[in-house]
């Protein structure tokens, strides 16, 4: 190398000593080295160079965000569509040159591979969309070719499709009575709890009686209220060798919660002569009048009632009323009642 070339490479653009300068100086003759140092001194290059002790500013590493990668992929994809012969890395560098200067960076092999994956996925999505468009186009052509009437289209729909499209409209047009008339009686009976059926039958019977005469209904209601609120008094005769006397026995009143109607009848058949048994429907237990006043015992079958009903029954067991929780079967319940009586 000549002296002028060595002088030209002495300082870098940021006015620091070029690390290659010392190596090149070792390869030239001593007289050239002397001439180089003389020219450096004449030009005052040593005065202009920065101190080697100052830290060299390092360029911050640029990491592209997902949005930036997507933007670069768009540019590269558009370039490939227009100029297929141009390499991906060339198109990517062109796209990066359009970004702000502080976001410029060189692409590595790994970055090119990542960019290629993004573009490949975009191409796959376009191909999939093209397939779907072909399928939809074929369906449209098929529908246009058939040109079915409304009745034919409705007849071709499945039950679930009809329900999905027309359920709200059907419910708005039909009354509940009309919908119920479409269902078989056996199906309706299976869907209604037995206690509700019995209650409806009793209500209908009372309506029939009401047609015969309001006076009979009033008498029955009065009798029902009296029986419900008053303890049953049974008279029995005591026999003796000298004389006989008639005494009275007040039967204890027991409220049973959690039994079915048939189970309650079984209990009545076995211990009904020893106590007045009151049936309390667990679905109606929270009503204020479901448990009559004056009960001596409240028996809760805990297997078939909720905690809230159990707690409510406990709140009703005040004064002389005792709360008994039962967790066994009907036979054990009858045995427990016989022991209590």
C-alpha atoms as a PDB file:
ATOM      1  CA  UNK A   1       0.000   0.000   0.000  1.00  0.00           C
ATOM      2  CA  UNK A   2       1.155   3.549  -0.634  1.00  0.00           C
ATOM      3  CA  UNK A   3       1.624   6.195   2.032  1.00  0.00           C
ATOM      4  CA  UNK A   4      -1.424   8.131   0.853  1.00  0.00           C
ATOM      5  CA  UNK A   5      -3.618   5.032   1.102  1.00  0.00           C
ATOM      6  CA  UNK A   6      -2.419   4.358   4.637  1.00  0.00           C
ATOM      7  CA  UNK A   7      -3.083   7.961   5.631  1.00  0.00           C
ATOM      8  CA  UNK A   8      -6.571   7.737   4.143  1.00  0.00           C
ATOM      9  CA  UNK A   9      -7.402   4.676   6.227  1.00  0.00           C
ATOM     10  CA  UNK A  10      -5.885   6.054   9.460  1.00  0.00           C
ATOM     11  CA  UNK A  11      -9.171   7.306  10.856  1.00  0.00           C
ATOM     12  CA  UNK A  12     -12.659   5.832  10.547  1.00  0.00           C
ATOM     13  CA  UNK A  13     -15.758   7.898   9.826  1.00  0.00           C
ATOM     14  CA  UNK A  14     -16.375   8.403  13.541  1.00  0.00           C
ATOM     15  CA  UNK A  15     -12.759   9.770  13.865  1.00  0.00           C
ATOM     16  CA  UNK A  16     -11.309   6.781  15.639  1.00  0.00           C
ATOM     17  CA  UNK A  17      -8.081   4.933  14.730  1.00  0.00           C
ATOM     18  CA  UNK A  18      -8.829   2.179  12.265  1.00  0.00           C
ATOM     19  CA  UNK A  19      -7.773  -1.178  13.782  1.00  0.00           C
ATOM     20  CA  UNK A  20      -6.571  -2.296  10.353  1.00  0.00           C
ATOM     21  CA  UNK A  21      -4.124   0.630  10.128  1.00  0.00           C
ATOM     22  CA  UNK A  22      -1.574  -0.901  12.550  1.00  0.00           C
ATOM     23  CA  UNK A  23      -1.624  -4.214  10.660  1.00  0.00           C
ATOM     24  CA  UNK A  24      -1.090  -2.565   7.293  1.00  0.00           C
ATOM     25  CA  UNK A  25       1.749  -0.438   8.683  1.00  0.00           C
ATOM     26  CA  UNK A  26       3.630  -3.630   9.641  1.00  0.00           C
ATOM     27  CA  UNK A  27       3.533  -4.852   6.040  1.00  0.00           C
ATOM     28  CA  UNK A  28       5.195  -1.771   4.444  1.00  0.00           C
ATOM     29  CA  UNK A  29       8.812  -0.604   4.343  1.00  0.00           C
ATOM     30  CA  UNK A  30      10.224   1.627   7.152  1.00  0.00           C
ATOM     31  CA  UNK A  31      10.599   4.653   4.850  1.00  0.00           C
ATOM     32  CA  UNK A  32       6.898   4.446   3.928  1.00  0.00           C
ATOM     33  CA  UNK A  33       5.958   4.260   7.594  1.00  0.00           C
ATOM     34  CA  UNK A  34       8.023   7.419   8.270  1.00  0.00           C
ATOM     35  CA  UNK A  35       6.326   9.214   5.405  1.00  0.00           C
ATOM     36  CA  UNK A  36       2.878   8.160   6.686  1.00  0.00           C
ATOM     37  CA  UNK A  37       3.526   9.509  10.181  1.00  0.00           C
ATOM     38  CA  UNK A  38       4.917  12.743   8.717  1.00  0.00           C
ATOM     39  CA  UNK A  39       1.793  13.307   6.619  1.00  0.00           C
ATOM     40  CA  UNK A  40      -0.477  12.430   9.561  1.00  0.00           C
ATOM     41  CA  UNK A  41       1.314  15.075  11.614  1.00  0.00           C
ATOM     42  CA  UNK A  42       1.142  17.651   8.812  1.00  0.00           C
ATOM     43  CA  UNK A  43      -2.579  17.053   8.327  1.00  0.00           C
ATOM     44  CA  UNK A  44      -3.214  17.185  12.081  1.00  0.00           C
ATOM     45  CA  UNK A  45      -5.125  13.929  12.056  1.00  0.00           C
ATOM     46  CA  UNK A  46      -4.000  13.100  15.576  1.00  0.00           C
ATOM     47  CA  UNK A  47      -5.595  16.316  16.804  1.00  0.00           C
ATOM     48  CA  UNK A  48      -8.896  15.429  15.152  1.00  0.00           C
ATOM     49  CA  UNK A  49      -9.208  11.838  16.322  1.00  0.00           C
ATOM     50  CA  UNK A  50     -11.281  11.052  19.368  1.00  0.00           C
ATOM     51  CA  UNK A  51      -9.766   9.634  22.505  1.00  0.00           C
ATOM     52  CA  UNK A  52      -9.647   5.879  22.558  1.00  0.00           C
ATOM     53  CA  UNK A  53     -10.778   5.937  26.197  1.00  0.00           C
ATOM     54  CA  UNK A  54     -14.221   7.250  25.237  1.00  0.00           C
ATOM     55  CA  UNK A  55     -16.855   4.488  24.978  1.00  0.00           C
ATOM     56  CA  UNK A  56     -17.825   3.567  21.487  1.00  0.00           C
ATOM     57  CA  UNK A  57     -21.600   3.984  21.112  1.00  0.00           C
ATOM     58  CA  UNK A  58     -23.154   0.628  20.329  1.00  0.00           C
ATOM     59  CA  UNK A  59     -26.128   0.397  18.082  1.00  0.00           C
ATOM     60  CA  UNK A  60     -29.187  -0.947  19.872  1.00  0.00           C
ATOM     61  CA  UNK A  61     -30.464  -4.298  18.596  1.00  0.00           C
ATOM     62  CA  UNK A  62     -33.716  -3.967  16.675  1.00  0.00           C
ATOM     63  CA  UNK A  63     -36.353  -6.646  17.259  1.00  0.00           C
ATOM     64  CA  UNK A  64     -39.364  -6.510  14.991  1.00  0.00           C
ATOM     65  CA  UNK A  65     -42.828  -6.807  16.513  1.00  0.00           C
ATOM     66  CA  UNK A  66     -45.502  -9.125  15.124  1.00  0.00           C
ATOM     67  CA  UNK A  67     -47.192  -6.144  13.466  1.00  0.00           C
ATOM     68  CA  UNK A  68     -43.918  -5.134  11.776  1.00  0.00           C
ATOM     69  CA  UNK A  69     -43.300  -8.689  10.559  1.00  0.00           C
ATOM     70  CA  UNK A  70     -46.829  -8.773   9.168  1.00  0.00           C
ATOM     71  CA  UNK A  71     -46.265  -5.439   7.377  1.00  0.00           C
ATOM     72  CA  UNK A  72     -42.967  -6.676   5.885  1.00  0.00           C
ATOM     73  CA  UNK A  73     -44.669  -9.923   4.810  1.00  0.00           C
ATOM     74  CA  UNK A  74     -47.377  -7.895   3.034  1.00  0.00           C
ATOM     75  CA  UNK A  75     -44.744  -5.933   1.118  1.00  0.00           C
ATOM     76  CA  UNK A  76     -42.797  -9.068   0.185  1.00  0.00           C
ATOM     77  CA  UNK A  77     -45.966 -10.902  -0.852  1.00  0.00           C
ATOM     78  CA  UNK A  78     -47.023  -8.020  -3.090  1.00  0.00           C
ATOM     79  CA  UNK A  79     -43.508  -7.956  -4.575  1.00  0.00           C
ATOM     80  CA  UNK A  80     -43.588 -11.676  -5.304  1.00  0.00           C
ATOM     81  CA  UNK A  81     -46.902 -11.297  -7.101  1.00  0.00           C
ATOM     82  CA  UNK A  82     -45.489  -8.499  -9.291  1.00  0.00           C
ATOM     83  CA  UNK A  83     -41.873  -9.676  -9.671  1.00  0.00           C
ATOM     84  CA  UNK A  84     -41.595 -13.410  -9.045  1.00  0.00           C
ATOM     85  CA  UNK A  85     -37.929 -13.563 -10.060  1.00  0.00           C
ATOM     86  CA  UNK A  86     -36.769 -11.255  -7.253  1.00  0.00           C
ATOM     87  CA  UNK A  87     -35.454 -13.087  -4.132  1.00  0.00           C
ATOM     88  CA  UNK A  88     -37.309 -12.852  -0.806  1.00  0.00           C
ATOM     89  CA  UNK A  89     -34.404 -11.241   1.078  1.00  0.00           C
ATOM     90  CA  UNK A  90     -34.102  -8.487  -1.551  1.00  0.00           C
ATOM     91  CA  UNK A  91     -37.814  -7.672  -1.284  1.00  0.00           C
ATOM     92  CA  UNK A  92     -37.576  -7.797   2.513  1.00  0.00           C
ATOM     93  CA  UNK A  93     -34.639  -5.344   2.579  1.00  0.00           C
ATOM     94  CA  UNK A  94     -36.585  -3.002   0.307  1.00  0.00           C
ATOM     95  CA  UNK A  95     -39.522  -3.148   2.685  1.00  0.00           C
ATOM     96  CA  UNK A  96     -37.257  -2.490   5.705  1.00  0.00           C
ATOM     97  CA  UNK A  97     -35.748   0.540   3.941  1.00  0.00           C
ATOM     98  CA  UNK A  98     -39.250   2.108   3.921  1.00  0.00           C
ATOM     99  CA  UNK A  99     -39.474   1.847   7.726  1.00  0.00           C
ATOM    100  CA  UNK A 100     -38.144   4.557  10.091  1.00  0.00           C
ATOM    101  CA  UNK A 101     -34.352   4.666  10.215  1.00  0.00           C
ATOM    102  CA  UNK A 102     -34.168   3.574  13.841  1.00  0.00           C
ATOM    103  CA  UNK A 103     -36.050   0.376  12.907  1.00  0.00           C
ATOM    104  CA  UNK A 104     -33.600  -0.685  10.177  1.00  0.00           C
ATOM    105  CA  UNK A 105     -31.718  -3.950  10.658  1.00  0.00           C
ATOM    106  CA  UNK A 106     -30.020  -6.666   8.684  1.00  0.00           C
ATOM    107  CA  UNK A 107     -31.941  -9.873   8.200  1.00  0.00           C
ATOM    108  CA  UNK A 108     -30.285 -13.113   9.261  1.00  0.00           C
ATOM    109  CA  UNK A 109     -31.004 -16.560   7.892  1.00  0.00           C
ATOM    110  CA  UNK A 110     -33.279 -17.262  10.847  1.00  0.00           C
ATOM    111  CA  UNK A 111     -35.215 -14.026  10.167  1.00  0.00           C
ATOM    112  CA  UNK A 112     -35.631 -14.930   6.481  1.00  0.00           C
ATOM    113  CA  UNK A 113     -36.977 -18.365   7.518  1.00  0.00           C
ATOM    114  CA  UNK A 114     -39.465 -16.742   9.920  1.00  0.00           C
ATOM    115  CA  UNK A 115     -40.609 -14.348   7.197  1.00  0.00           C
ATOM    116  CA  UNK A 116     -40.995 -17.252   4.761  1.00  0.00           C
ATOM    117  CA  UNK A 117     -43.233 -19.091   7.249  1.00  0.00           C
ATOM    118  CA  UNK A 118     -45.508 -16.047   7.545  1.00  0.00           C
ATOM    119  CA  UNK A 119     -45.790 -15.752   3.765  1.00  0.00           C
ATOM    120  CA  UNK A 120     -46.400 -19.520   3.396  1.00  0.00           C
ATOM    121  CA  UNK A 121     -49.251 -19.393   5.927  1.00  0.00           C
ATOM    122  CA  UNK A 122     -50.748 -16.466   4.061  1.00  0.00           C
ATOM    123  CA  UNK A 123     -50.608 -18.427   0.816  1.00  0.00           C
ATOM    124  CA  UNK A 124     -52.231 -21.459   2.523  1.00  0.00           C
ATOM    125  CA  UNK A 125     -55.039 -19.228   3.839  1.00  0.00           C
ATOM    126  CA  UNK A 126     -55.644 -17.882   0.334  1.00  0.00           C
ATOM    127  CA  UNK A 127     -55.751 -21.393  -1.100  1.00  0.00           C
ATOM    128  CA  UNK A 128     -58.205 -22.500   1.591  1.00  0.00           C
ATOM    129  CA  UNK A 129     -60.377 -19.449   0.929  1.00  0.00           C
ATOM    130  CA  UNK A 130     -60.308 -20.285  -2.779  1.00  0.00           C
ATOM    131  CA  UNK A 131     -61.516 -23.837  -2.056  1.00  0.00           C
ATOM    132  CA  UNK A 132     -64.354 -22.535   0.135  1.00  0.00           C
ATOM    133  CA  UNK A 133     -65.355 -20.034  -2.521  1.00  0.00           C
ATOM    134  CA  UNK A 134     -65.513 -22.832  -5.083  1.00  0.00           C
ATOM    135  CA  UNK A 135     -67.721 -24.914  -2.769  1.00  0.00           C
ATOM    136  CA  UNK A 136     -70.023 -21.965  -2.089  1.00  0.00           C
ATOM    137  CA  UNK A 137     -70.153 -21.123  -5.783  1.00  0.00           C
ATOM    138  CA  UNK A 138     -71.165 -24.697  -6.555  1.00  0.00           C
ATOM    139  CA  UNK A 139     -73.922 -24.552  -3.911  1.00  0.00           C
ATOM    140  CA  UNK A 140     -75.229 -21.284  -5.315  1.00  0.00           C
ATOM    141  CA  UNK A 141     -75.305 -22.758  -8.813  1.00  0.00           C
ATOM    142  CA  UNK A 142     -77.082 -25.842  -7.469  1.00  0.00           C
ATOM    143  CA  UNK A 143     -79.707 -23.722  -5.706  1.00  0.00           C
ATOM    144  CA  UNK A 144     -80.231 -21.606  -8.801  1.00  0.00           C
ATOM    145  CA  UNK A 145     -80.593 -24.732 -10.928  1.00  0.00           C
ATOM    146  CA  UNK A 146     -83.150 -26.423  -8.664  1.00  0.00           C
ATOM    147  CA  UNK A 147     -85.210 -23.264  -7.963  1.00  0.00           C
ATOM    148  CA  UNK A 148     -87.408 -25.027  -5.369  1.00  0.00           C
ATOM    149  CA  UNK A 149     -90.565 -23.493  -3.974  1.00  0.00           C
ATOM    150  CA  UNK A 150     -90.905 -22.466  -0.339  1.00  0.00           C
ATOM    151  CA  UNK A 151     -92.892 -25.590   0.452  1.00  0.00           C
ATOM    152  CA  UNK A 152     -90.239 -27.829  -1.101  1.00  0.00           C
ATOM    153  CA  UNK A 153     -87.435 -26.080   0.774  1.00  0.00           C
ATOM    154  CA  UNK A 154     -89.271 -26.395   4.105  1.00  0.00           C
ATOM    155  CA  UNK A 155     -90.019 -30.079   3.418  1.00  0.00           C
ATOM    156  CA  UNK A 156     -86.300 -30.707   2.844  1.00  0.00           C
ATOM    157  CA  UNK A 157     -85.277 -29.173   6.179  1.00  0.00           C
ATOM    158  CA  UNK A 158     -84.515 -31.378   9.171  1.00  0.00           C
ATOM    159  CA  UNK A 159     -86.353 -31.005  12.489  1.00  0.00           C
ATOM    160  CA  UNK A 160     -83.403 -29.256  14.145  1.00  0.00           C
ATOM    161  CA  UNK A 161     -83.072 -26.836  11.221  1.00  0.00           C
ATOM    162  CA  UNK A 162     -86.768 -25.991  11.393  1.00  0.00           C
ATOM    163  CA  UNK A 163     -86.515 -25.480  15.160  1.00  0.00           C
ATOM    164  CA  UNK A 164     -83.480 -23.219  14.748  1.00  0.00           C
ATOM    165  CA  UNK A 165     -85.052 -21.008  12.062  1.00  0.00           C
ATOM    166  CA  UNK A 166     -88.748 -20.960  13.016  1.00  0.00           C
ATOM    167  CA  UNK A 167     -89.003 -21.740  16.755  1.00  0.00           C
ATOM    168  CA  UNK A 168     -89.636 -18.142  17.908  1.00  0.00           C
ATOM    169  CA  UNK A 169     -92.127 -17.496  15.098  1.00  0.00           C
ATOM    170  CA  UNK A 170     -94.069 -20.688  15.863  1.00  0.00           C
ATOM    171  CA  UNK A 171     -94.252 -19.857  19.577  1.00  0.00           C
ATOM    172  CA  UNK A 172     -95.579 -16.375  18.763  1.00  0.00           C
ATOM    173  CA  UNK A 173     -98.276 -17.712  16.423  1.00  0.00           C
ATOM    174  CA  UNK A 174     -99.531 -20.647  18.541  1.00  0.00           C
ATOM    175  CA  UNK A 175    -101.190 -20.552  21.949  1.00  0.00           C
ATOM    176  CA  UNK A 176    -100.035 -22.882  24.769  1.00  0.00           C
ATOM    177  CA  UNK A 177    -103.323 -24.798  24.505  1.00  0.00           C
ATOM    178  CA  UNK A 178    -102.725 -25.461  20.813  1.00  0.00           C
ATOM    179  CA  UNK A 179     -99.192 -26.711  21.473  1.00  0.00           C
ATOM    180  CA  UNK A 180    -100.343 -28.971  24.325  1.00  0.00           C
ATOM    181  CA  UNK A 181    -103.059 -30.429  22.103  1.00  0.00           C
ATOM    182  CA  UNK A 182    -100.325 -31.780  19.822  1.00  0.00           C
ATOM    183  CA  UNK A 183     -98.805 -33.904  22.611  1.00  0.00           C
ATOM    184  CA  UNK A 184    -100.126 -37.359  23.669  1.00  0.00           C
ATOM    185  CA  UNK A 185    -101.874 -37.512  27.048  1.00  0.00           C
ATOM    186  CA  UNK A 186     -99.544 -40.225  28.346  1.00  0.00           C
ATOM    187  CA  UNK A 187     -96.523 -38.039  27.586  1.00  0.00           C
ATOM    188  CA  UNK A 188     -98.054 -35.039  29.393  1.00  0.00           C
ATOM    189  CA  UNK A 189     -98.946 -37.133  32.452  1.00  0.00           C
ATOM    190  CA  UNK A 190     -95.372 -38.453  32.659  1.00  0.00           C
ATOM    191  CA  UNK A 191     -94.028 -34.882  32.711  1.00  0.00           C
ATOM    192  CA  UNK A 192     -96.293 -33.643  35.548  1.00  0.00           C
ATOM    193  CA  UNK A 193     -95.472 -34.548  39.209  1.00  0.00           C
ATOM    194  CA  UNK A 194     -98.051 -36.791  40.890  1.00  0.00           C
ATOM    195  CA  UNK A 195     -98.844 -34.283  43.646  1.00  0.00           C
ATOM    196  CA  UNK A 196     -99.759 -31.641  41.049  1.00  0.00           C
ATOM    197  CA  UNK A 197    -102.016 -34.104  39.217  1.00  0.00           C
ATOM    198  CA  UNK A 198    -103.767 -34.996  42.476  1.00  0.00           C
ATOM    199  CA  UNK A 199    -104.165 -31.316  43.356  1.00  0.00           C
ATOM    200  CA  UNK A 200    -105.664 -30.602  39.913  1.00  0.00           C
ATOM    201  CA  UNK A 201    -108.044 -33.542  40.236  1.00  0.00           C
ATOM    202  CA  UNK A 202    -109.185 -32.309  43.650  1.00  0.00           C
ATOM    203  CA  UNK A 203    -109.652 -28.792  42.299  1.00  0.00           C
ATOM    204  CA  UNK A 204    -111.753 -30.105  39.403  1.00  0.00           C
ATOM    205  CA  UNK A 205    -113.824 -32.212  41.808  1.00  0.00           C
ATOM    206  CA  UNK A 206    -114.445 -29.174  43.973  1.00  0.00           C
ATOM    207  CA  UNK A 207    -115.575 -27.237  40.913  1.00  0.00           C
ATOM    208  CA  UNK A 208    -118.071 -30.012  40.125  1.00  0.00           C
ATOM    209  CA  UNK A 209    -119.330 -29.955  43.678  1.00  0.00           C
ATOM    210  CA  UNK A 210    -119.601 -26.171  43.448  1.00  0.00           C
ATOM    211  CA  UNK A 211    -121.991 -26.595  40.528  1.00  0.00           C
ATOM    212  CA  UNK A 212    -124.259 -28.751  42.734  1.00  0.00           C
ATOM    213  CA  UNK A 213    -124.466 -26.186  45.500  1.00  0.00           C
ATOM    214  CA  UNK A 214    -122.395 -23.511  47.190  1.00  0.00           C
ATOM    215  CA  UNK A 215    -123.838 -24.433  50.537  1.00  0.00           C
ATOM    216  CA  UNK A 216    -122.255 -27.900  50.538  1.00  0.00           C
ATOM    217  CA  UNK A 217    -118.847 -26.421  49.678  1.00  0.00           C
ATOM    218  CA  UNK A 218    -119.088 -23.939  52.550  1.00  0.00           C
ATOM    219  CA  UNK A 219    -119.884 -26.722  54.980  1.00  0.00           C
ATOM    220  CA  UNK A 220    -116.994 -28.870  53.746  1.00  0.00           C
ATOM    221  CA  UNK A 221    -114.539 -25.988  54.002  1.00  0.00           C
ATOM    222  CA  UNK A 222    -115.637 -25.227  57.543  1.00  0.00           C
ATOM    223  CA  UNK A 223    -115.303 -28.880  58.519  1.00  0.00           C
ATOM    224  CA  UNK A 224    -111.873 -29.108  56.871  1.00  0.00           C
ATOM    225  CA  UNK A 225    -110.636 -26.020  58.762  1.00  0.00           C
ATOM    226  CA  UNK A 226    -111.930 -27.364  62.058  1.00  0.00           C
ATOM    227  CA  UNK A 227    -110.264 -30.741  61.572  1.00  0.00           C
ATOM    228  CA  UNK A 228    -106.997 -29.120  60.478  1.00  0.00           C
ATOM    229  CA  UNK A 229    -106.673 -26.862  63.536  1.00  0.00           C
ATOM    230  CA  UNK A 230    -108.122 -29.004  66.320  1.00  0.00           C
ATOM    231  CA  UNK A 231    -106.592 -32.174  67.852  1.00  0.00           C
ATOM    232  CA  UNK A 232    -108.549 -35.390  67.416  1.00  0.00           C
ATOM    233  CA  UNK A 233    -110.231 -36.629  70.582  1.00  0.00           C
ATOM    234  CA  UNK A 234    -111.098 -40.320  70.692  1.00  0.00           C
ATOM    235  CA  UNK A 235    -113.453 -41.642  73.338  1.00  0.00           C
ATOM    236  CA  UNK A 236    -112.894 -45.137  74.659  1.00  0.00           C
ATOM    237  CA  UNK A 237    -114.556 -47.247  77.293  1.00  0.00           C
ATOM    238  CA  UNK A 238    -112.734 -48.583  80.327  1.00  0.00           C
ATOM    239  CA  UNK A 239    -114.139 -51.862  81.658  1.00  0.00           C
ATOM    240  CA  UNK A 240    -113.981 -52.993  85.280  1.00  0.00           C
ATOM    241  CA  UNK A 241    -115.682 -55.608  87.426  1.00  0.00           C
ATOM    242  CA  UNK A 242    -117.729 -53.034  89.336  1.00  0.00           C
ATOM    243  CA  UNK A 243    -118.459 -50.246  86.845  1.00  0.00           C
ATOM    244  CA  UNK A 244    -117.531 -48.848  83.477  1.00  0.00           C
ATOM    245  CA  UNK A 245    -116.496 -45.270  82.777  1.00  0.00           C
ATOM    246  CA  UNK A 246    -115.850 -43.262  79.590  1.00  0.00           C
ATOM    247  CA  UNK A 247    -112.596 -41.283  79.299  1.00  0.00           C
ATOM    248  CA  UNK A 248    -111.017 -39.101  76.616  1.00  0.00           C
ATOM    249  CA  UNK A 249    -107.552 -39.395  74.992  1.00  0.00           C
ATOM    250  CA  UNK A 250    -105.936 -36.502  73.046  1.00  0.00           C
ATOM    251  CA  UNK A 251    -103.886 -37.893  70.149  1.00  0.00           C
ATOM    252  CA  UNK A 252    -100.519 -36.217  69.528  1.00  0.00           C
ATOM    253  CA  UNK A 253    -100.231 -34.237  66.292  1.00  0.00           C
ATOM    254  CA  UNK A 254     -97.184 -35.098  64.104  1.00  0.00           C
ATOM    255  CA  UNK A 255     -96.141 -33.237  60.928  1.00  0.00           C
ATOM    256  CA  UNK A 256     -94.200 -35.388  58.415  1.00  0.00           C
ATOM    257  CA  UNK A 257     -91.970 -33.614  55.835  1.00  0.00           C
ATOM    258  CA  UNK A 258     -90.232 -35.322  52.889  1.00  0.00           C
ATOM    259  CA  UNK A 259     -92.551 -38.301  52.238  1.00  0.00           C
ATOM    260  CA  UNK A 260     -94.400 -39.077  49.047  1.00  0.00           C
ATOM    261  CA  UNK A 261     -98.173 -39.391  49.208  1.00  0.00           C
ATOM    262  CA  UNK A 262     -98.046 -43.206  48.953  1.00  0.00           C
ATOM    263  CA  UNK A 263     -95.389 -43.406  51.690  1.00  0.00           C
ATOM    264  CA  UNK A 264     -97.457 -41.134  53.936  1.00  0.00           C
ATOM    265  CA  UNK A 265    -100.489 -43.402  53.456  1.00  0.00           C
ATOM    266  CA  UNK A 266     -98.399 -46.400  54.507  1.00  0.00           C
ATOM    267  CA  UNK A 267     -97.445 -44.612  57.732  1.00  0.00           C
ATOM    268  CA  UNK A 268    -101.099 -43.648  58.332  1.00  0.00           C
ATOM    269  CA  UNK A 269    -102.219 -47.266  57.912  1.00  0.00           C
ATOM    270  CA  UNK A 270     -99.731 -48.463  60.526  1.00  0.00           C
ATOM    271  CA  UNK A 271     -99.807 -45.752  63.210  1.00  0.00           C
ATOM    272  CA  UNK A 272    -102.779 -43.572  62.223  1.00  0.00           C
ATOM    273  CA  UNK A 273    -104.865 -44.788  65.173  1.00  0.00           C
ATOM    274  CA  UNK A 274    -102.241 -43.597  67.674  1.00  0.00           C
ATOM    275  CA  UNK A 275    -101.621 -40.053  66.372  1.00  0.00           C
ATOM    276  CA  UNK A 276    -102.945 -37.348  64.076  1.00  0.00           C
ATOM    277  CA  UNK A 277    -100.546 -37.336  61.117  1.00  0.00           C
ATOM    278  CA  UNK A 278    -100.191 -34.213  58.960  1.00  0.00           C
ATOM    279  CA  UNK A 279     -98.710 -34.565  55.466  1.00  0.00           C
ATOM    280  CA  UNK A 280     -96.426 -31.628  54.484  1.00  0.00           C
ATOM    281  CA  UNK A 281     -95.329 -31.532  50.835  1.00  0.00           C
ATOM    282  CA  UNK A 282     -91.593 -30.716  50.698  1.00  0.00           C
ATOM    283  CA  UNK A 283     -92.194 -28.477  47.663  1.00  0.00           C
ATOM    284  CA  UNK A 284     -94.736 -26.472  49.691  1.00  0.00           C
ATOM    285  CA  UNK A 285     -92.926 -26.600  53.040  1.00  0.00           C
ATOM    286  CA  UNK A 286     -91.831 -22.946  53.028  1.00  0.00           C
ATOM    287  CA  UNK A 287     -95.441 -21.659  53.026  1.00  0.00           C
ATOM    288  CA  UNK A 288     -96.500 -20.239  56.345  1.00  0.00           C
ATOM    289  CA  UNK A 289     -99.589 -22.475  56.739  1.00  0.00           C
ATOM    290  CA  UNK A 290     -98.025 -25.747  55.585  1.00  0.00           C
ATOM    291  CA  UNK A 291     -97.304 -26.857  59.166  1.00  0.00           C
ATOM    292  CA  UNK A 292    -100.375 -26.278  61.381  1.00  0.00           C
ATOM    293  CA  UNK A 293    -100.069 -24.868  64.874  1.00  0.00           C
ATOM    294  CA  UNK A 294    -100.139 -27.174  67.853  1.00  0.00           C
ATOM    295  CA  UNK A 295     -97.917 -29.951  66.456  1.00  0.00           C
ATOM    296  CA  UNK A 296     -96.228 -32.030  69.117  1.00  0.00           C
ATOM    297  CA  UNK A 297     -93.577 -33.358  66.717  1.00  0.00           C
ATOM    298  CA  UNK A 298     -92.108 -32.285  63.392  1.00  0.00           C
ATOM    299  CA  UNK A 299     -90.429 -35.234  61.638  1.00  0.00           C
ATOM    300  CA  UNK A 300     -88.074 -34.385  58.749  1.00  0.00           C
ATOM    301  CA  UNK A 301     -86.968 -37.184  56.409  1.00  0.00           C
ATOM    302  CA  UNK A 302     -83.531 -35.700  55.731  1.00  0.00           C
ATOM    303  CA  UNK A 303     -82.816 -38.000  52.761  1.00  0.00           C
ATOM    304  CA  UNK A 304     -85.286 -36.173  50.545  1.00  0.00           C
ATOM    305  CA  UNK A 305     -85.341 -32.545  51.700  1.00  0.00           C
ATOM    306  CA  UNK A 306     -82.896 -29.689  51.254  1.00  0.00           C
ATOM    307  CA  UNK A 307     -80.913 -28.007  54.010  1.00  0.00           C
ATOM    308  CA  UNK A 308     -83.096 -24.903  53.709  1.00  0.00           C
ATOM    309  CA  UNK A 309     -86.267 -26.912  54.484  1.00  0.00           C
ATOM    310  CA  UNK A 310     -84.524 -28.608  57.398  1.00  0.00           C
ATOM    311  CA  UNK A 311     -83.527 -25.222  58.792  1.00  0.00           C
ATOM    312  CA  UNK A 312     -87.045 -23.863  58.278  1.00  0.00           C
ATOM    313  CA  UNK A 313     -88.557 -26.840  60.126  1.00  0.00           C
ATOM    314  CA  UNK A 314     -86.122 -26.228  62.987  1.00  0.00           C
ATOM    315  CA  UNK A 315     -87.364 -22.632  63.216  1.00  0.00           C
ATOM    316  CA  UNK A 316     -90.968 -23.918  63.521  1.00  0.00           C
ATOM    317  CA  UNK A 317     -90.040 -26.307  66.375  1.00  0.00           C
ATOM    318  CA  UNK A 318     -90.671 -23.858  69.203  1.00  0.00           C
ATOM    319  CA  UNK A 319     -92.475 -24.099  72.496  1.00  0.00           C
ATOM    320  CA  UNK A 320     -93.380 -27.697  73.151  1.00  0.00           C
ATOM    321  CA  UNK A 321     -92.798 -28.870  69.585  1.00  0.00           C
ATOM    322  CA  UNK A 322     -89.938 -31.365  69.108  1.00  0.00           C
ATOM    323  CA  UNK A 323     -87.918 -31.604  65.861  1.00  0.00           C
ATOM    324  CA  UNK A 324     -86.942 -35.173  64.873  1.00  0.00           C
ATOM    325  CA  UNK A 325     -84.628 -35.909  61.932  1.00  0.00           C
ATOM    326  CA  UNK A 326     -84.980 -39.321  60.290  1.00  0.00           C
ATOM    327  CA  UNK A 327     -82.498 -40.774  57.788  1.00  0.00           C
ATOM    328  CA  UNK A 328     -83.684 -44.406  57.434  1.00  0.00           C
ATOM    329  CA  UNK A 329     -86.485 -46.183  55.587  1.00  0.00           C
ATOM    330  CA  UNK A 330     -90.265 -46.356  56.075  1.00  0.00           C
ATOM    331  CA  UNK A 331     -90.078 -49.326  58.467  1.00  0.00           C
ATOM    332  CA  UNK A 332     -87.560 -47.555  60.684  1.00  0.00           C
ATOM    333  CA  UNK A 333     -89.715 -44.405  60.603  1.00  0.00           C
ATOM    334  CA  UNK A 334     -92.798 -46.366  61.695  1.00  0.00           C
ATOM    335  CA  UNK A 335     -90.798 -48.039  64.479  1.00  0.00           C
ATOM    336  CA  UNK A 336     -89.517 -44.638  65.678  1.00  0.00           C
ATOM    337  CA  UNK A 337     -93.058 -43.218  65.692  1.00  0.00           C
ATOM    338  CA  UNK A 338     -94.354 -46.223  67.673  1.00  0.00           C
ATOM    339  CA  UNK A 339     -91.578 -45.692  70.231  1.00  0.00           C
ATOM    340  CA  UNK A 340     -92.520 -42.001  70.510  1.00  0.00           C
ATOM    341  CA  UNK A 341     -96.191 -42.863  71.005  1.00  0.00           C
END
